[in-house]
Amino acid sequence: MRNPDPECPGCGRPLPTDPVELAGLAACPHCRGELTATVFPAYGRGPVIGGTAERTTADDEATCFFHPSKKAAVPCDRCGRFLCALCDLPIAGEHLCPGCVQSAQKKEGLSGVGRPRLRWDIIVWQLVLLPLLACSFVIPVTGLAAAGLAVWGLRAPPSRVVHTRARLWAGLVAGLVVAAGGTVFWIVAATR
């Protein structure tokens, strides 16, 4: 990605692109408006493809688990080992070490490296249906619990399984209906 050409915030005209010249500006050469430019060391440098590990310079710096002479950049999101830029493998939004990638490939395949999602829709429907099969007196409680978990599940990150949100909405409605029906049933049964 290329750095955008610097512009004066006052007049919008282009400023010099040379980092040394840009850092020395106190006023815009066009409108003479006051200007303070801070030039970062990476300005003008192209993108860095792949990481290069830095050597540690102090005894109090964390080091890479696999390269003790290299400075740690991030911890592995699975095992917690410190990793240098060379060992950091960003996969599916996670920073993983080579060992965790290898074990994930063996256990679940590389496509399953992401964190597993809890299937709230299955839990909701179990709370709705199991008490109905047992004709239990806890039907109103489990119906409300199912509705509450459906709302909780709708706020959770989406599952990779299709149609779970529709099942959660249906579970919410069914939970409320079961809770209301169970309450009415037990009130009628208690008054007779």
Foldseek 3Di string as FASTA:
>chain_A
DADDFDADPPPRHGDDQPPVRQQPDQAGPPPRHGDHDDDDPCHPPDDDDADDFAADDDPPFDAAPVDRRTGFDAAFPPPRGTHTSRQFDQDPNTTHGPVLCVVCCVPPRNVPSDDADDLLLVVLVCLLPVCVVVVDLCQLVSLVVSLVSLVVVVPDPDHPDPPSNVSSVVSNVSSVVRNVVSVVVVVVVVVD
